[in-house]
Amino acid sequence: EGTAFPGDEVREFKPRAFKAAQRAGSEMIPMGIAYGDPTAYYTTESFMAHMKRIACLKRLRVAVEIGEPLVVDRESPVELKDHARERVEELVMRARSRLEGRPVMQPTPSLAGG
């Protein structure tokens, strides 16, 4: 999906990116990001306007959670996009918990298929 929307929303992934990763024989690394300032989230502006707005913030607390690589050749792109979205949602929740100083939930078993 590649963006950060207000409320830590993870929107629908597109299967085309997963199909491209399958053709390339690559893995995908799921990541979850939570920002401490709601103005850091992407809205309707252009990407460059968004980046400029973030660059103008004097301080920005950010938490990032990085998941295990997803092996992309074991499922269809549609199945994989759904599994990846679930994993990213979990990672965003972990990042939000860490950013807010709450106990971080244990990760679910790897969706890497191995």
N, C-alpha and C. Protein backbone atom coordinates (compact mmCIF):
# COMPACT_ATOMS: atom_id res chain seq x y z
N GLU A 1 0.83 -1.18 0.00
CA GLU A 1 0.00 0.00 0.00
C GLU A 1 0.88 1.25 0.00
N GLY A 2 1.88 1.29 0.87
CA GLY A 2 2.93 2.30 0.75
C GLY A 2 2.63 3.69 1.25
N THR A 3 1.59 3.90 2.04
CA THR A 3 1.30 5.23 2.57
C THR A 3 0.95 5.11 4.05
N ALA A 4 0.78 6.24 4.70
CA ALA A 4 0.38 6.27 6.10
C ALA A 4 -0.82 7.21 6.22
N PHE A 5 -1.97 6.65 6.51
CA PHE A 5 -3.20 7.42 6.58
C PHE A 5 -3.58 7.70 8.03
N PRO A 6 -4.32 8.76 8.29
CA PRO A 6 -4.75 9.07 9.66
C PRO A 6 -5.45 7.89 10.32
N GLY A 7 -5.25 7.78 11.63
CA GLY A 7 -5.89 6.70 12.37
C GLY A 7 -5.19 5.36 12.18
N ASP A 8 -3.99 5.36 11.66
CA ASP A 8 -3.22 4.13 11.43
C ASP A 8 -3.94 3.15 10.50
N GLU A 9 -4.79 3.67 9.66
CA GLU A 9 -5.54 2.84 8.72
C GLU A 9 -4.59 2.21 7.70
N VAL A 10 -4.78 0.92 7.46
CA VAL A 10 -4.05 0.23 6.40
C VAL A 10 -5.08 -0.09 5.32
N ARG A 11 -4.94 0.57 4.21
CA ARG A 11 -5.92 0.38 3.12
C ARG A 11 -5.60 -0.88 2.31
N GLU A 12 -6.51 -1.19 1.43
CA GLU A 12 -6.40 -2.39 0.60
C GLU A 12 -5.12 -2.39 -0.22
N PHE A 13 -4.45 -3.51 -0.27
CA PHE A 13 -3.27 -3.67 -1.11
C PHE A 13 -3.71 -4.08 -2.51
N LYS A 14 -2.88 -3.82 -3.47
CA LYS A 14 -3.16 -4.20 -4.86
C LYS A 14 -2.35 -5.45 -5.21
N PRO A 15 -2.97 -6.45 -5.82
CA PRO A 15 -2.25 -7.69 -6.11
C PRO A 15 -1.13 -7.52 -7.14
N ARG A 16 -1.16 -6.46 -7.95
CA ARG A 16 -0.14 -6.29 -9.00
C ARG A 16 1.28 -6.22 -8.44
N ALA A 17 1.45 -5.56 -7.29
CA ALA A 17 2.78 -5.46 -6.69
C ALA A 17 3.29 -6.84 -6.29
N PHE A 18 2.41 -7.69 -5.83
CA PHE A 18 2.80 -9.03 -5.42
C PHE A 18 3.11 -9.90 -6.63
N LYS A 19 2.37 -9.69 -7.70
CA LYS A 19 2.65 -10.42 -8.94
C LYS A 19 4.03 -10.04 -9.48
N ALA A 20 4.36 -8.76 -9.41
CA ALA A 20 5.68 -8.30 -9.86
C ALA A 20 6.78 -8.91 -9.00
N ALA A 21 6.56 -8.98 -7.69
CA ALA A 21 7.56 -9.59 -6.81
C ALA A 21 7.72 -11.07 -7.11
N GLN A 22 6.62 -11.73 -7.44
CA GLN A 22 6.71 -13.15 -7.81
C GLN A 22 7.52 -13.33 -9.08
N ARG A 23 7.27 -12.49 -10.08
CA ARG A 23 8.03 -12.59 -11.34
C ARG A 23 9.51 -12.35 -11.11
N ALA A 24 9.83 -11.46 -10.18
CA ALA A 24 11.23 -11.14 -9.89
C ALA A 24 11.88 -12.16 -8.96
N GLY A 25 11.06 -13.03 -8.36
CA GLY A 25 11.60 -14.01 -7.43
C GLY A 25 12.10 -13.38 -6.14
N SER A 26 11.51 -12.29 -5.73
CA SER A 26 11.98 -11.56 -4.55
C SER A 26 11.08 -11.83 -3.35
N GLU A 27 11.53 -11.35 -2.21
CA GLU A 27 10.73 -11.36 -1.01
C GLU A 27 10.23 -9.94 -0.77
N MET A 28 9.20 -9.83 0.06
CA MET A 28 8.70 -8.52 0.44
C MET A 28 8.82 -8.40 1.95
N ILE A 29 9.23 -7.22 2.41
CA ILE A 29 9.40 -6.96 3.83
C ILE A 29 8.24 -6.11 4.31
N PRO A 30 7.36 -6.65 5.17
CA PRO A 30 6.25 -5.84 5.69
C PRO A 30 6.76 -4.89 6.77
N MET A 31 6.21 -3.68 6.78
CA MET A 31 6.58 -2.68 7.78
C MET A 31 5.34 -1.98 8.29
N GLY A 32 5.38 -1.64 9.57
CA GLY A 32 4.31 -0.86 10.17
C GLY A 32 4.91 0.42 10.75
N ILE A 33 4.28 1.54 10.48
CA ILE A 33 4.77 2.84 10.93
C ILE A 33 3.65 3.57 11.66
N ALA A 34 4.01 4.19 12.79
CA ALA A 34 3.07 5.04 13.52
C ALA A 34 3.77 6.36 13.81
N TYR A 35 3.08 7.45 13.58
CA TYR A 35 3.61 8.79 13.82
C TYR A 35 3.02 9.36 15.11
N GLY A 36 3.83 10.14 15.83
CA GLY A 36 3.38 10.78 17.05
C GLY A 36 2.62 12.07 16.82
N ASP A 37 2.68 12.59 15.62
CA ASP A 37 2.01 13.85 15.27
C ASP A 37 1.03 13.57 14.14
N PRO A 38 -0.26 13.78 14.35
CA PRO A 38 -1.24 13.46 13.30
C PRO A 38 -1.04 14.24 12.01
N THR A 39 -0.33 15.36 12.04
CA THR A 39 -0.11 16.10 10.81
C THR A 39 0.89 15.41 9.89
N ALA A 40 1.56 14.37 10.37
CA ALA A 40 2.54 13.66 9.56
C ALA A 40 1.89 12.67 8.58
N TYR A 41 0.63 12.37 8.80
CA TYR A 41 -0.03 11.39 7.95
C TYR A 41 -0.36 11.97 6.58
N TYR A 42 -0.38 11.08 5.62
CA TYR A 42 -0.68 11.46 4.24
C TYR A 42 -2.17 11.77 4.13
N THR A 43 -2.49 12.81 3.38
CA THR A 43 -3.90 13.14 3.14
C THR A 43 -4.13 13.17 1.64
N THR A 44 -4.69 14.24 1.14
CA THR A 44 -5.03 14.31 -0.28
C THR A 44 -4.04 15.11 -1.10
N GLU A 45 -3.03 15.69 -0.44
CA GLU A 45 -2.08 16.52 -1.18
C GLU A 45 -1.13 15.66 -2.03
N SER A 46 -0.34 16.32 -2.82
CA SER A 46 0.67 15.60 -3.60
C SER A 46 1.73 15.04 -2.66
N PHE A 47 2.46 14.06 -3.13
CA PHE A 47 3.51 13.45 -2.31
C PHE A 47 4.56 14.49 -1.93
N MET A 48 4.95 15.36 -2.86
CA MET A 48 5.97 16.37 -2.56
C MET A 48 5.47 17.36 -1.52
N ALA A 49 4.21 17.75 -1.59
CA ALA A 49 3.66 18.65 -0.58
C ALA A 49 3.64 17.96 0.79
N HIS A 50 3.31 16.70 0.79
CA HIS A 50 3.33 15.90 2.02
C HIS A 50 4.73 15.86 2.62
N MET A 51 5.73 15.58 1.80
CA MET A 51 7.12 15.51 2.28
C MET A 51 7.59 16.87 2.78
N LYS A 52 7.20 17.94 2.11
CA LYS A 52 7.59 19.28 2.54
C LYS A 52 6.98 19.59 3.91
N ARG A 53 5.72 19.22 4.08
CA ARG A 53 5.04 19.45 5.36
C ARG A 53 5.75 18.70 6.48
N ILE A 54 6.12 17.45 6.25
CA ILE A 54 6.83 16.67 7.26
C ILE A 54 8.20 17.27 7.54
N ALA A 55 8.89 17.69 6.51
CA ALA A 55 10.23 18.27 6.68
C ALA A 55 10.19 19.55 7.49
N CYS A 56 9.06 20.25 7.50
CA CYS A 56 8.94 21.50 8.25
C CYS A 56 8.63 21.28 9.73
N LEU A 57 8.28 20.05 10.11
CA LEU A 57 8.02 19.78 11.52
C LEU A 57 9.33 19.86 12.30
N LYS A 58 9.32 20.53 13.44
CA LYS A 58 10.54 20.65 14.24
C LYS A 58 10.92 19.32 14.87
N ARG A 59 9.92 18.53 15.22
CA ARG A 59 10.17 17.25 15.87
C ARG A 59 9.06 16.30 15.45
N LEU A 60 9.41 15.05 15.23
CA LEU A 60 8.43 14.04 14.87
C LEU A 60 8.83 12.71 15.47
N ARG A 61 8.01 12.24 16.39
CA ARG A 61 8.25 10.91 16.96
C ARG A 61 7.64 9.89 16.02
N VAL A 62 8.42 8.85 15.74
CA VAL A 62 8.00 7.80 14.82
C VAL A 62 8.40 6.45 15.40
N ALA A 63 7.52 5.47 15.27
CA ALA A 63 7.86 4.09 15.63
C ALA A 63 7.70 3.24 14.38
N VAL A 64 8.69 2.39 14.14
CA VAL A 64 8.68 1.52 12.97
C VAL A 64 8.86 0.08 13.43
N GLU A 65 8.03 -0.79 12.94
CA GLU A 65 8.14 -2.23 13.20
C GLU A 65 8.37 -2.92 11.85
N ILE A 66 9.37 -3.76 11.79
CA ILE A 66 9.71 -4.47 10.56
C ILE A 66 9.47 -5.95 10.78
N GLY A 67 8.70 -6.55 9.87
CA GLY A 67 8.35 -7.96 9.98
C GLY A 67 9.30 -8.85 9.22
N GLU A 68 9.10 -10.12 9.39
CA GLU A 68 9.86 -11.13 8.67
C GLU A 68 9.51 -11.06 7.18
N PRO A 69 10.48 -11.37 6.32
CA PRO A 69 10.19 -11.35 4.88
C PRO A 69 9.05 -12.29 4.51
N LEU A 70 8.25 -11.86 3.57
CA LEU A 70 7.18 -12.70 3.04
C LEU A 70 7.70 -13.40 1.79
N VAL A 71 7.60 -14.70 1.77
CA VAL A 71 7.98 -15.46 0.59
C VAL A 71 6.80 -15.40 -0.36
N VAL A 72 7.02 -14.86 -1.55
CA VAL A 72 5.89 -14.53 -2.42
C VAL A 72 5.52 -15.61 -3.42
N ASP A 73 6.26 -16.70 -3.46
CA ASP A 73 5.97 -17.70 -4.49
C ASP A 73 5.10 -18.85 -4.02
N ARG A 74 4.52 -18.76 -2.83
CA ARG A 74 3.74 -19.87 -2.29
C ARG A 74 2.24 -19.66 -2.34
N GLU A 75 1.81 -18.47 -2.71
CA GLU A 75 0.38 -18.15 -2.75
C GLU A 75 0.09 -17.33 -4.00
N SER A 76 -1.19 -17.23 -4.31
CA SER A 76 -1.58 -16.35 -5.41
C SER A 76 -1.38 -14.91 -4.97
N PRO A 77 -1.23 -13.99 -5.92
CA PRO A 77 -1.09 -12.58 -5.54
C PRO A 77 -2.25 -12.06 -4.69
N VAL A 78 -3.46 -12.54 -4.94
CA VAL A 78 -4.62 -12.10 -4.17
C VAL A 78 -4.53 -12.60 -2.73
N GLU A 79 -4.18 -13.87 -2.55
CA GLU A 79 -4.01 -14.41 -1.19
C GLU A 79 -2.87 -13.71 -0.47
N LEU A 80 -1.79 -13.50 -1.18
CA LEU A 80 -0.62 -12.87 -0.59
C LEU A 80 -0.90 -11.43 -0.16
N LYS A 81 -1.62 -10.69 -0.97
CA LYS A 81 -1.92 -9.30 -0.60
C LYS A 81 -2.75 -9.24 0.67
N ASP A 82 -3.66 -10.19 0.84
CA ASP A 82 -4.48 -10.22 2.06
C ASP A 82 -3.64 -10.58 3.28
N HIS A 83 -2.75 -11.57 3.15
CA HIS A 83 -1.87 -11.94 4.26
C HIS A 83 -0.92 -10.79 4.60
N ALA A 84 -0.40 -10.15 3.59
CA ALA A 84 0.53 -9.03 3.81
C ALA A 84 -0.19 -7.89 4.52
N ARG A 85 -1.40 -7.60 4.12
CA ARG A 85 -2.15 -6.52 4.77
C ARG A 85 -2.41 -6.84 6.24
N GLU A 86 -2.79 -8.08 6.54
CA GLU A 86 -2.99 -8.48 7.93
C GLU A 86 -1.71 -8.29 8.73
N ARG A 87 -0.59 -8.68 8.17
CA ARG A 87 0.69 -8.56 8.87
C ARG A 87 1.05 -7.09 9.08
N VAL A 88 0.84 -6.26 8.07
CA VAL A 88 1.15 -4.83 8.21
C VAL A 88 0.24 -4.20 9.26
N GLU A 89 -1.03 -4.57 9.30
CA GLU A 89 -1.93 -4.05 10.33
C GLU A 89 -1.40 -4.38 11.72
N GLU A 90 -0.94 -5.61 11.92
CA GLU A 90 -0.36 -6.02 13.21
C GLU A 90 0.88 -5.19 13.53
N LEU A 91 1.71 -4.97 12.53
CA LEU A 91 2.93 -4.20 12.75
C LEU A 91 2.63 -2.74 13.07
N VAL A 92 1.61 -2.18 12.44
CA VAL A 92 1.20 -0.80 12.75
C VAL A 92 0.70 -0.73 14.19
N MET A 93 -0.08 -1.72 14.62
CA MET A 93 -0.56 -1.73 16.01
C MET A 93 0.61 -1.85 16.99
N ARG A 94 1.61 -2.66 16.66
CA ARG A 94 2.80 -2.78 17.51
C ARG A 94 3.54 -1.44 17.57
N ALA A 95 3.69 -0.80 16.43
CA ALA A 95 4.37 0.49 16.38
C ALA A 95 3.61 1.52 17.21
N ARG A 96 2.30 1.56 17.09
CA ARG A 96 1.49 2.50 17.86
C ARG A 96 1.65 2.24 19.35
N SER A 97 1.62 0.98 19.76
CA SER A 97 1.79 0.64 21.18
C SER A 97 3.14 1.11 21.69
N ARG A 98 4.17 0.86 20.93
CA ARG A 98 5.52 1.26 21.34
C ARG A 98 5.63 2.78 21.42
N LEU A 99 5.06 3.47 20.46
CA LEU A 99 5.11 4.93 20.44
C LEU A 99 4.40 5.52 21.66
N GLU A 100 3.33 4.88 22.09
CA GLU A 100 2.55 5.38 23.22
C GLU A 100 3.00 4.81 24.55
N GLY A 101 4.07 4.01 24.54
CA GLY A 101 4.60 3.47 25.78
C GLY A 101 3.78 2.35 26.39
N ARG A 102 2.92 1.73 25.60
CA ARG A 102 2.12 0.60 26.08
C ARG A 102 2.89 -0.69 25.85
N PRO A 103 2.53 -1.75 26.58
CA PRO A 103 3.18 -3.05 26.30
C PRO A 103 2.91 -3.45 24.86
N VAL A 104 3.93 -3.98 24.23
CA VAL A 104 3.82 -4.39 22.83
C VAL A 104 3.39 -5.84 22.78
N MET A 105 2.34 -6.10 22.00
CA MET A 105 1.84 -7.47 21.87
C MET A 105 2.88 -8.35 21.19
N GLN A 106 2.82 -9.62 21.46
CA GLN A 106 3.72 -10.58 20.84
C GLN A 106 3.36 -10.73 19.37
N PRO A 107 4.35 -10.87 18.50
CA PRO A 107 4.05 -11.03 17.08
C PRO A 107 3.40 -12.37 16.81
N THR A 108 2.62 -12.41 15.76
CA THR A 108 2.02 -13.68 15.35
C THR A 108 3.08 -14.49 14.63
N PRO A 109 2.86 -15.79 14.47
CA PRO A 109 3.82 -16.58 13.72
C PRO A 109 4.04 -16.00 12.33
N SER A 110 5.22 -16.19 11.82
CA SER A 110 5.60 -15.64 10.53
C SER A 110 4.66 -16.07 9.43
N LEU A 111 4.32 -15.14 8.56
CA LEU A 111 3.54 -15.45 7.37
C LEU A 111 4.45 -15.72 6.19
N ALA A 112 5.71 -15.99 6.48
CA ALA A 112 6.68 -16.21 5.42
C ALA A 112 6.47 -17.56 4.76
N GLY A 113 5.62 -18.38 5.34
CA GLY A 113 5.31 -19.65 4.71
C GLY A 113 6.34 -20.72 4.98
N GLY A 114 7.25 -20.50 5.87
CA GLY A 114 8.31 -21.45 6.06
C GLY A 114 8.39 -21.95 7.42
